[in-house]
Amino acid sequence: CALPILASTLDTVVSFNLSNYQRLTYTDKSTAFDVTGHAGDVYALLKASFGGTVNTTYEGLGIKMEDAGQTSLAVANAIVNSAPFTTASGGSDNASFVNYVYTNVVGSAPSPVQALPYITELVTGVATKADLLTAAAHLSSFQQTIGLVGANNTTGVLSGTGIDFIPA
């Protein structure tokens, strides 16, 4: 992973050329540059789950899970079964889940016709909430919107800035 050259704020003639590093740890946080790896996967899951700014503590927990061998689906399952997600999504019912995640991913609430296929999959057991969350987070259009990838799967903006997280 090629990282940008970072300029020192202490001495403007000093810079650091970092290459082949996926994670940097500072005294107060860490930054992940593996935006197409575990850090990016967890970031997408959290953006689809909660929208807005990604909680750096949750990011660290998810990265720890995936680094330890857990799948994206396992992280999604942990998210949808968490109290913060249940509270944020407005409850544990299928319609609330679909409306909340759809809104986070697409940017607007689904119409009843748009929501129905997803609700039906949940009701009939064809898919779980974790399945749908994982699928939503992995949509290429969504990953482009949140900066993981650029147009035509080129490098996204987050590859230059990284993803901040608090190590778990």
N, C-alpha and C. Protein backbone atom coordinates (compact mmCIF):
# COMPACT_ATOMS: atom_id res chain seq x y z
N CYS A 1 0.85 -1.17 0.00
CA CYS A 1 0.00 0.00 0.00
C CYS A 1 0.89 1.23 0.00
N ALA A 2 0.84 2.04 -1.00
CA ALA A 2 1.65 3.25 -1.07
C ALA A 2 0.92 4.37 -0.35
N LEU A 3 1.61 4.97 0.58
CA LEU A 3 1.03 6.05 1.37
C LEU A 3 1.58 7.38 0.90
N PRO A 4 0.87 8.44 1.17
CA PRO A 4 1.35 9.76 0.78
C PRO A 4 2.56 10.15 1.63
N ILE A 5 3.30 11.10 1.13
CA ILE A 5 4.40 11.65 1.92
C ILE A 5 3.79 12.61 2.92
N LEU A 6 4.11 12.41 4.19
CA LEU A 6 3.56 13.23 5.25
C LEU A 6 4.57 14.30 5.64
N ALA A 7 4.13 15.53 5.70
CA ALA A 7 5.00 16.63 6.08
C ALA A 7 4.94 16.83 7.59
N SER A 8 6.08 17.13 8.17
CA SER A 8 6.14 17.38 9.60
C SER A 8 5.61 18.77 9.91
N THR A 9 4.82 18.88 10.98
CA THR A 9 4.36 20.20 11.40
C THR A 9 5.40 20.86 12.31
N LEU A 10 6.38 20.11 12.74
CA LEU A 10 7.43 20.67 13.60
C LEU A 10 8.53 21.32 12.77
N ASP A 11 8.86 20.74 11.66
CA ASP A 11 9.90 21.27 10.80
C ASP A 11 9.42 21.09 9.37
N THR A 12 9.21 22.18 8.67
CA THR A 12 8.60 22.10 7.34
C THR A 12 9.51 21.49 6.29
N VAL A 13 10.79 21.30 6.57
CA VAL A 13 11.68 20.68 5.59
C VAL A 13 11.83 19.18 5.81
N VAL A 14 11.15 18.66 6.82
CA VAL A 14 11.20 17.23 7.11
C VAL A 14 9.91 16.58 6.63
N SER A 15 10.04 15.46 5.96
CA SER A 15 8.87 14.69 5.57
C SER A 15 9.18 13.22 5.75
N PHE A 16 8.13 12.42 5.79
CA PHE A 16 8.28 10.98 5.98
C PHE A 16 7.64 10.29 4.78
N ASN A 17 8.39 9.46 4.11
CA ASN A 17 7.85 8.71 2.98
C ASN A 17 7.53 7.32 3.48
N LEU A 18 6.24 7.07 3.67
CA LEU A 18 5.80 5.78 4.19
C LEU A 18 5.31 4.93 3.03
N SER A 19 5.82 3.71 2.94
CA SER A 19 5.31 2.80 1.92
C SER A 19 5.26 1.40 2.51
N ASN A 20 4.34 0.63 2.01
CA ASN A 20 4.14 -0.75 2.46
C ASN A 20 3.75 -0.85 3.93
N TYR A 21 3.04 0.14 4.43
CA TYR A 21 2.50 0.11 5.78
C TYR A 21 0.98 0.14 5.68
N GLN A 22 0.32 -0.72 6.44
CA GLN A 22 -1.13 -0.72 6.42
C GLN A 22 -1.71 0.03 7.61
N ARG A 23 -0.98 0.09 8.72
CA ARG A 23 -1.50 0.73 9.93
C ARG A 23 -0.39 1.53 10.61
N LEU A 24 -0.77 2.68 11.11
CA LEU A 24 0.13 3.52 11.90
C LEU A 24 -0.50 3.73 13.26
N THR A 25 0.30 3.66 14.30
CA THR A 25 -0.19 3.85 15.66
C THR A 25 0.49 5.07 16.27
N TYR A 26 -0.34 5.96 16.80
CA TYR A 26 0.13 7.15 17.49
C TYR A 26 -0.20 6.99 18.97
N THR A 27 0.05 8.00 19.76
CA THR A 27 -0.25 7.90 21.18
C THR A 27 -1.75 7.97 21.47
N ASP A 28 -2.51 8.62 20.60
CA ASP A 28 -3.94 8.81 20.88
C ASP A 28 -4.89 8.07 19.93
N LYS A 29 -4.37 7.51 18.86
CA LYS A 29 -5.22 6.79 17.90
C LYS A 29 -4.33 6.01 16.94
N SER A 30 -4.97 5.30 16.07
CA SER A 30 -4.28 4.61 14.99
C SER A 30 -4.97 4.97 13.68
N THR A 31 -4.26 4.82 12.58
CA THR A 31 -4.82 5.06 11.27
C THR A 31 -4.53 3.85 10.40
N ALA A 32 -5.57 3.35 9.75
CA ALA A 32 -5.45 2.20 8.86
C ALA A 32 -5.49 2.66 7.42
N PHE A 33 -4.59 2.12 6.61
CA PHE A 33 -4.57 2.45 5.19
C PHE A 33 -4.99 1.25 4.33
N ASP A 34 -5.39 0.16 4.97
CA ASP A 34 -5.86 -1.01 4.22
C ASP A 34 -7.35 -0.85 3.92
N VAL A 35 -7.64 0.17 3.09
CA VAL A 35 -9.04 0.50 2.80
C VAL A 35 -9.72 -0.54 1.94
N THR A 36 -8.96 -1.38 1.27
CA THR A 36 -9.56 -2.48 0.51
C THR A 36 -9.41 -3.79 1.28
N GLY A 37 -9.00 -3.70 2.54
CA GLY A 37 -8.86 -4.87 3.41
C GLY A 37 -9.80 -4.79 4.59
N HIS A 38 -9.34 -5.28 5.73
CA HIS A 38 -10.18 -5.35 6.92
C HIS A 38 -10.70 -3.99 7.36
N ALA A 39 -9.83 -2.99 7.38
CA ALA A 39 -10.26 -1.66 7.86
C ALA A 39 -11.36 -1.09 6.97
N GLY A 40 -11.20 -1.22 5.66
CA GLY A 40 -12.22 -0.72 4.75
C GLY A 40 -13.52 -1.48 4.85
N ASP A 41 -13.42 -2.79 5.04
CA ASP A 41 -14.62 -3.61 5.18
C ASP A 41 -15.42 -3.20 6.42
N VAL A 42 -14.73 -3.04 7.53
CA VAL A 42 -15.40 -2.65 8.77
C VAL A 42 -15.96 -1.23 8.64
N TYR A 43 -15.22 -0.35 8.01
CA TYR A 43 -15.68 1.03 7.79
C TYR A 43 -17.00 1.03 7.01
N ALA A 44 -17.06 0.24 5.93
CA ALA A 44 -18.27 0.17 5.12
C ALA A 44 -19.44 -0.40 5.93
N LEU A 45 -19.19 -1.43 6.71
CA LEU A 45 -20.24 -2.01 7.54
C LEU A 45 -20.79 -0.98 8.54
N LEU A 46 -19.88 -0.22 9.14
CA LEU A 46 -20.31 0.78 10.13
C LEU A 46 -21.03 1.95 9.47
N LYS A 47 -20.58 2.38 8.29
CA LYS A 47 -21.27 3.47 7.57
C LYS A 47 -22.67 3.02 7.16
N ALA A 48 -22.81 1.77 6.71
CA ALA A 48 -24.12 1.26 6.32
C ALA A 48 -25.00 1.08 7.56
N SER A 49 -24.38 0.78 8.69
CA SER A 49 -25.13 0.53 9.92
C SER A 49 -25.57 1.81 10.61
N PHE A 50 -24.69 2.76 10.71
CA PHE A 50 -24.95 3.95 11.52
C PHE A 50 -24.96 5.25 10.73
N GLY A 51 -24.47 5.24 9.49
CA GLY A 51 -24.37 6.48 8.73
C GLY A 51 -23.40 7.44 9.41
N GLY A 52 -23.39 8.66 9.01
CA GLY A 52 -22.59 9.70 9.67
C GLY A 52 -21.13 9.35 9.85
N THR A 53 -20.55 9.85 10.91
CA THR A 53 -19.15 9.63 11.22
C THR A 53 -18.98 8.27 11.89
N VAL A 54 -18.01 7.53 11.44
CA VAL A 54 -17.77 6.20 12.00
C VAL A 54 -17.14 6.34 13.39
N ASN A 55 -17.69 5.61 14.34
CA ASN A 55 -17.17 5.58 15.70
C ASN A 55 -15.83 4.86 15.69
N THR A 56 -14.77 5.54 16.11
CA THR A 56 -13.42 4.97 16.03
C THR A 56 -13.23 3.78 16.97
N THR A 57 -13.97 3.74 18.06
CA THR A 57 -13.89 2.58 18.96
C THR A 57 -14.52 1.36 18.29
N TYR A 58 -15.69 1.54 17.66
CA TYR A 58 -16.33 0.43 16.94
C TYR A 58 -15.44 -0.03 15.79
N GLU A 59 -14.81 0.91 15.09
CA GLU A 59 -13.91 0.56 14.00
C GLU A 59 -12.78 -0.33 14.53
N GLY A 60 -12.21 0.04 15.67
CA GLY A 60 -11.14 -0.76 16.25
C GLY A 60 -11.59 -2.15 16.64
N LEU A 61 -12.80 -2.25 17.19
CA LEU A 61 -13.33 -3.57 17.56
C LEU A 61 -13.55 -4.44 16.33
N GLY A 62 -14.10 -3.87 15.29
CA GLY A 62 -14.33 -4.62 14.05
C GLY A 62 -13.04 -5.06 13.39
N ILE A 63 -12.05 -4.17 13.36
CA ILE A 63 -10.74 -4.53 12.79
C ILE A 63 -10.14 -5.68 13.59
N LYS A 64 -10.23 -5.60 14.91
CA LYS A 64 -9.69 -6.68 15.74
C LYS A 64 -10.37 -8.01 15.42
N MET A 65 -11.69 -7.98 15.24
CA MET A 65 -12.42 -9.21 14.90
C MET A 65 -11.94 -9.78 13.56
N GLU A 66 -11.86 -8.92 12.54
CA GLU A 66 -11.45 -9.42 11.22
C GLU A 66 -9.99 -9.84 11.21
N ASP A 67 -9.12 -9.10 11.89
CA ASP A 67 -7.71 -9.50 11.97
C ASP A 67 -7.54 -10.85 12.65
N ALA A 68 -8.48 -11.19 13.55
CA ALA A 68 -8.43 -12.46 14.27
C ALA A 68 -9.07 -13.60 13.46
N GLY A 69 -9.54 -13.30 12.25
CA GLY A 69 -10.09 -14.34 11.40
C GLY A 69 -11.60 -14.35 11.26
N GLN A 70 -12.30 -13.43 11.94
CA GLN A 70 -13.75 -13.36 11.79
C GLN A 70 -14.09 -12.81 10.41
N THR A 71 -15.23 -13.22 9.88
CA THR A 71 -15.65 -12.76 8.56
C THR A 71 -16.41 -11.44 8.66
N SER A 72 -16.61 -10.85 7.51
CA SER A 72 -17.42 -9.64 7.42
C SER A 72 -18.84 -9.92 7.94
N LEU A 73 -19.35 -11.09 7.64
CA LEU A 73 -20.68 -11.48 8.10
C LEU A 73 -20.74 -11.56 9.63
N ALA A 74 -19.67 -12.05 10.26
CA ALA A 74 -19.63 -12.12 11.72
C ALA A 74 -19.62 -10.73 12.33
N VAL A 75 -18.89 -9.81 11.72
CA VAL A 75 -18.87 -8.43 12.21
C VAL A 75 -20.25 -7.81 12.03
N ALA A 76 -20.88 -8.04 10.88
CA ALA A 76 -22.23 -7.52 10.64
C ALA A 76 -23.21 -8.08 11.65
N ASN A 77 -23.09 -9.35 11.98
CA ASN A 77 -23.96 -9.97 12.97
C ASN A 77 -23.79 -9.32 14.34
N ALA A 78 -22.54 -9.05 14.71
CA ALA A 78 -22.29 -8.37 15.99
C ALA A 78 -22.92 -6.98 15.99
N ILE A 79 -22.83 -6.29 14.87
CA ILE A 79 -23.41 -4.95 14.78
C ILE A 79 -24.93 -5.00 14.93
N VAL A 80 -25.61 -5.83 14.13
CA VAL A 80 -27.08 -5.82 14.14
C VAL A 80 -27.66 -6.34 15.46
N ASN A 81 -26.86 -7.07 16.22
CA ASN A 81 -27.33 -7.56 17.52
C ASN A 81 -26.89 -6.68 18.68
N SER A 82 -26.28 -5.55 18.38
CA SER A 82 -25.81 -4.65 19.44
C SER A 82 -26.91 -3.69 19.87
N ALA A 83 -26.86 -3.30 21.12
CA ALA A 83 -27.83 -2.33 21.64
C ALA A 83 -27.73 -0.99 20.92
N PRO A 84 -26.51 -0.47 20.63
CA PRO A 84 -26.46 0.82 19.92
C PRO A 84 -27.14 0.77 18.55
N PHE A 85 -27.01 -0.35 17.84
CA PHE A 85 -27.66 -0.45 16.53
C PHE A 85 -29.17 -0.54 16.68
N THR A 86 -29.63 -1.34 17.62
CA THR A 86 -31.08 -1.48 17.83
C THR A 86 -31.69 -0.13 18.18
N THR A 87 -31.02 0.63 19.02
CA THR A 87 -31.50 1.95 19.39
C THR A 87 -31.50 2.89 18.18
N ALA A 88 -30.38 2.92 17.45
CA ALA A 88 -30.25 3.83 16.32
C ALA A 88 -31.24 3.51 15.20
N SER A 89 -31.50 2.22 14.99
CA SER A 89 -32.37 1.82 13.88
C SER A 89 -33.85 1.90 14.21
N GLY A 90 -34.17 2.21 15.44
CA GLY A 90 -35.57 2.38 15.81
C GLY A 90 -36.27 1.10 16.22
N GLY A 91 -35.52 0.06 16.51
CA GLY A 91 -36.13 -1.18 16.97
C GLY A 91 -35.56 -2.39 16.27
N SER A 92 -36.09 -3.54 16.63
CA SER A 92 -35.56 -4.77 16.07
C SER A 92 -36.45 -5.36 14.98
N ASP A 93 -37.53 -4.66 14.61
CA ASP A 93 -38.42 -5.22 13.59
C ASP A 93 -37.80 -5.08 12.20
N ASN A 94 -38.25 -5.92 11.30
CA ASN A 94 -37.67 -5.99 9.95
C ASN A 94 -37.84 -4.70 9.15
N ALA A 95 -39.00 -4.08 9.22
CA ALA A 95 -39.25 -2.86 8.46
C ALA A 95 -38.33 -1.73 8.92
N SER A 96 -38.16 -1.58 10.22
CA SER A 96 -37.26 -0.54 10.74
C SER A 96 -35.83 -0.78 10.28
N PHE A 97 -35.40 -2.04 10.34
CA PHE A 97 -34.06 -2.39 9.90
C PHE A 97 -33.86 -2.01 8.43
N VAL A 98 -34.76 -2.46 7.57
CA VAL A 98 -34.63 -2.20 6.14
C VAL A 98 -34.64 -0.71 5.85
N ASN A 99 -35.57 0.02 6.44
CA ASN A 99 -35.65 1.47 6.21
C ASN A 99 -34.37 2.18 6.66
N TYR A 100 -33.86 1.79 7.81
CA TYR A 100 -32.68 2.45 8.37
C TYR A 100 -31.43 2.19 7.53
N VAL A 101 -31.16 0.93 7.23
CA VAL A 101 -29.95 0.60 6.45
C VAL A 101 -30.07 1.15 5.03
N TYR A 102 -31.22 1.01 4.42
CA TYR A 102 -31.43 1.52 3.06
C TYR A 102 -31.16 3.03 3.02
N THR A 103 -31.68 3.74 4.00
CA THR A 103 -31.46 5.19 4.06
C THR A 103 -29.98 5.51 4.21
N ASN A 104 -29.27 4.77 5.06
CA ASN A 104 -27.84 5.01 5.24
C ASN A 104 -27.05 4.74 3.96
N VAL A 105 -27.45 3.75 3.21
CA VAL A 105 -26.71 3.35 2.01
C VAL A 105 -27.09 4.17 0.79
N VAL A 106 -28.38 4.40 0.60
CA VAL A 106 -28.85 5.08 -0.61
C VAL A 106 -28.95 6.59 -0.42
N GLY A 107 -29.22 7.02 0.80
CA GLY A 107 -29.34 8.44 1.08
C GLY A 107 -30.76 8.92 1.21
N SER A 108 -31.70 8.03 0.99
CA SER A 108 -33.12 8.36 1.18
C SER A 108 -33.86 7.08 1.57
N ALA A 109 -34.98 7.27 2.21
CA ALA A 109 -35.78 6.12 2.66
C ALA A 109 -36.36 5.38 1.45
N PRO A 110 -36.51 4.07 1.57
CA PRO A 110 -37.11 3.32 0.47
C PRO A 110 -38.62 3.53 0.42
N SER A 111 -39.18 3.41 -0.76
CA SER A 111 -40.63 3.38 -0.87
C SER A 111 -41.09 2.01 -0.38
N PRO A 112 -42.36 1.84 -0.08
CA PRO A 112 -42.83 0.51 0.32
C PRO A 112 -42.52 -0.57 -0.71
N VAL A 113 -42.60 -0.22 -1.98
CA VAL A 113 -42.29 -1.18 -3.05
C VAL A 113 -40.81 -1.54 -3.03
N GLN A 114 -39.93 -0.57 -2.76
CA GLN A 114 -38.49 -0.83 -2.70
C GLN A 114 -38.13 -1.65 -1.48
N ALA A 115 -38.80 -1.43 -0.36
CA ALA A 115 -38.49 -2.13 0.88
C ALA A 115 -39.01 -3.56 0.91
N LEU A 116 -40.10 -3.81 0.24
CA LEU A 116 -40.79 -5.11 0.33
C LEU A 116 -39.91 -6.32 0.04
N PRO A 117 -39.10 -6.33 -1.02
CA PRO A 117 -38.29 -7.54 -1.27
C PRO A 117 -37.33 -7.86 -0.11
N TYR A 118 -36.77 -6.85 0.50
CA TYR A 118 -35.82 -7.07 1.60
C TYR A 118 -36.56 -7.56 2.85
N ILE A 119 -37.70 -6.95 3.12
CA ILE A 119 -38.50 -7.38 4.27
C ILE A 119 -38.96 -8.82 4.06
N THR A 120 -39.36 -9.15 2.85
CA THR A 120 -39.79 -10.52 2.54
C THR A 120 -38.65 -11.51 2.75
N GLU A 121 -37.44 -11.16 2.34
CA GLU A 121 -36.29 -12.05 2.55
C GLU A 121 -36.06 -12.30 4.04
N LEU A 122 -36.23 -11.28 4.85
CA LEU A 122 -36.05 -11.43 6.30
C LEU A 122 -37.16 -12.28 6.90
N VAL A 123 -38.40 -12.03 6.52
CA VAL A 123 -39.55 -12.75 7.07
C VAL A 123 -39.50 -14.23 6.69
N THR A 124 -39.13 -14.53 5.45
CA THR A 124 -39.12 -15.91 4.98
C THR A 124 -37.84 -16.66 5.35
N GLY A 125 -36.86 -15.95 5.89
CA GLY A 125 -35.61 -16.60 6.29
C GLY A 125 -34.63 -16.81 5.15
N VAL A 126 -34.91 -16.23 4.00
CA VAL A 126 -33.98 -16.33 2.87
C VAL A 126 -32.67 -15.62 3.21
N ALA A 127 -32.76 -14.56 4.00
CA ALA A 127 -31.59 -13.79 4.40
C ALA A 127 -31.77 -13.34 5.85
N THR A 128 -30.65 -13.11 6.50
CA THR A 128 -30.65 -12.53 7.85
C THR A 128 -30.34 -11.05 7.74
N LYS A 129 -30.52 -10.33 8.82
CA LYS A 129 -30.16 -8.91 8.83
C LYS A 129 -28.68 -8.74 8.55
N ALA A 130 -27.85 -9.63 9.11
CA ALA A 130 -26.41 -9.55 8.86
C ALA A 130 -26.09 -9.78 7.39
N ASP A 131 -26.82 -10.71 6.73
CA ASP A 131 -26.63 -10.94 5.29
C ASP A 131 -26.92 -9.67 4.51
N LEU A 132 -28.06 -9.03 4.81
CA LEU A 132 -28.45 -7.83 4.07
C LEU A 132 -27.50 -6.67 4.35
N LEU A 133 -27.07 -6.52 5.60
CA LEU A 133 -26.13 -5.46 5.93
C LEU A 133 -24.80 -5.66 5.19
N THR A 134 -24.33 -6.89 5.17
CA THR A 134 -23.07 -7.18 4.47
C THR A 134 -23.20 -6.88 2.99
N ALA A 135 -24.29 -7.31 2.38
CA ALA A 135 -24.51 -7.05 0.95
C ALA A 135 -24.57 -5.55 0.67
N ALA A 136 -25.27 -4.82 1.52
CA ALA A 136 -25.39 -3.36 1.34
C ALA A 136 -24.03 -2.68 1.45
N ALA A 137 -23.25 -3.07 2.45
CA ALA A 137 -21.93 -2.46 2.67
C ALA A 137 -20.97 -2.74 1.53
N HIS A 138 -21.18 -3.85 0.82
CA HIS A 138 -20.27 -4.24 -0.26
C HIS A 138 -20.71 -3.75 -1.64
N LEU A 139 -21.81 -3.00 -1.71
CA LEU A 139 -22.23 -2.44 -2.99
C LEU A 139 -21.15 -1.49 -3.49
N SER A 140 -20.71 -1.67 -4.72
CA SER A 140 -19.63 -0.82 -5.24
C SER A 140 -20.03 0.65 -5.28
N SER A 141 -21.29 0.94 -5.57
CA SER A 141 -21.74 2.34 -5.59
C SER A 141 -21.65 2.96 -4.20
N PHE A 142 -21.97 2.19 -3.16
CA PHE A 142 -21.87 2.69 -1.79
C PHE A 142 -20.40 2.87 -1.41
N GLN A 143 -19.56 1.92 -1.76
CA GLN A 143 -18.14 2.04 -1.43
C GLN A 143 -17.49 3.22 -2.13
N GLN A 144 -17.99 3.55 -3.30
CA GLN A 144 -17.51 4.75 -3.99
C GLN A 144 -18.00 6.00 -3.27
N THR A 145 -19.26 6.01 -2.86
CA THR A 145 -19.84 7.16 -2.16
C THR A 145 -19.08 7.47 -0.88
N ILE A 146 -18.66 6.45 -0.14
CA ILE A 146 -17.99 6.67 1.14
C ILE A 146 -16.47 6.79 1.01
N GLY A 147 -15.94 6.71 -0.22
CA GLY A 147 -14.53 6.97 -0.45
C GLY A 147 -13.60 5.78 -0.37
N LEU A 148 -14.12 4.57 -0.29
CA LEU A 148 -13.23 3.40 -0.26
C LEU A 148 -12.63 3.14 -1.64
N VAL A 149 -13.42 3.32 -2.67
CA VAL A 149 -12.94 3.17 -4.03
C VAL A 149 -13.36 4.40 -4.83
N GLY A 150 -12.65 4.63 -5.92
CA GLY A 150 -13.00 5.74 -6.80
C GLY A 150 -13.80 5.23 -7.98
N ALA A 151 -14.00 6.10 -8.94
CA ALA A 151 -14.72 5.72 -10.16
C ALA A 151 -13.97 4.60 -10.85
N ASN A 152 -14.69 3.66 -11.40
CA ASN A 152 -14.11 2.52 -12.11
C ASN A 152 -13.13 1.72 -11.23
N ASN A 153 -13.47 1.65 -9.93
CA ASN A 153 -12.67 0.89 -8.95
C ASN A 153 -11.23 1.38 -8.83
N THR A 154 -10.99 2.66 -9.08
CA THR A 154 -9.68 3.23 -8.85
C THR A 154 -9.55 3.53 -7.35
N THR A 155 -8.44 4.08 -6.95
CA THR A 155 -8.19 4.37 -5.56
C THR A 155 -9.15 5.43 -5.04
N GLY A 156 -9.78 5.17 -3.90
CA GLY A 156 -10.69 6.12 -3.29
C GLY A 156 -9.96 7.12 -2.42
N VAL A 157 -10.65 8.17 -2.01
CA VAL A 157 -10.02 9.23 -1.22
C VAL A 157 -9.49 8.73 0.12
N LEU A 158 -10.10 7.71 0.68
CA LEU A 158 -9.64 7.22 1.98
C LEU A 158 -8.28 6.53 1.91
N SER A 159 -7.84 6.15 0.70
CA SER A 159 -6.53 5.52 0.59
C SER A 159 -5.42 6.52 0.91
N GLY A 160 -5.70 7.81 0.73
CA GLY A 160 -4.72 8.84 1.05
C GLY A 160 -4.79 9.33 2.48
N THR A 161 -5.99 9.36 3.04
CA THR A 161 -6.15 9.88 4.40
C THR A 161 -6.17 8.78 5.45
N GLY A 162 -6.55 7.58 5.04
CA GLY A 162 -6.65 6.48 5.99
C GLY A 162 -7.94 6.54 6.79
N ILE A 163 -8.13 5.54 7.60
CA ILE A 163 -9.31 5.41 8.45
C ILE A 163 -8.84 5.38 9.90
N ASP A 164 -9.25 6.37 10.68
CA ASP A 164 -8.85 6.42 12.08
C ASP A 164 -9.61 5.39 12.90
N PHE A 165 -8.94 4.81 13.88
CA PHE A 165 -9.58 3.87 14.79
C PHE A 165 -8.85 3.83 16.11
N ILE A 166 -9.56 3.39 17.13
CA ILE A 166 -8.97 3.18 18.44
C ILE A 166 -8.74 1.68 18.57
N PRO A 167 -7.49 1.25 18.71
CA PRO A 167 -7.22 -0.19 18.78
C PRO A 167 -7.95 -0.83 19.98
N ALA A 168 -8.52 -2.00 19.74
CA ALA A 168 -9.23 -2.72 20.80
C ALA A 168 -8.29 -3.65 21.53
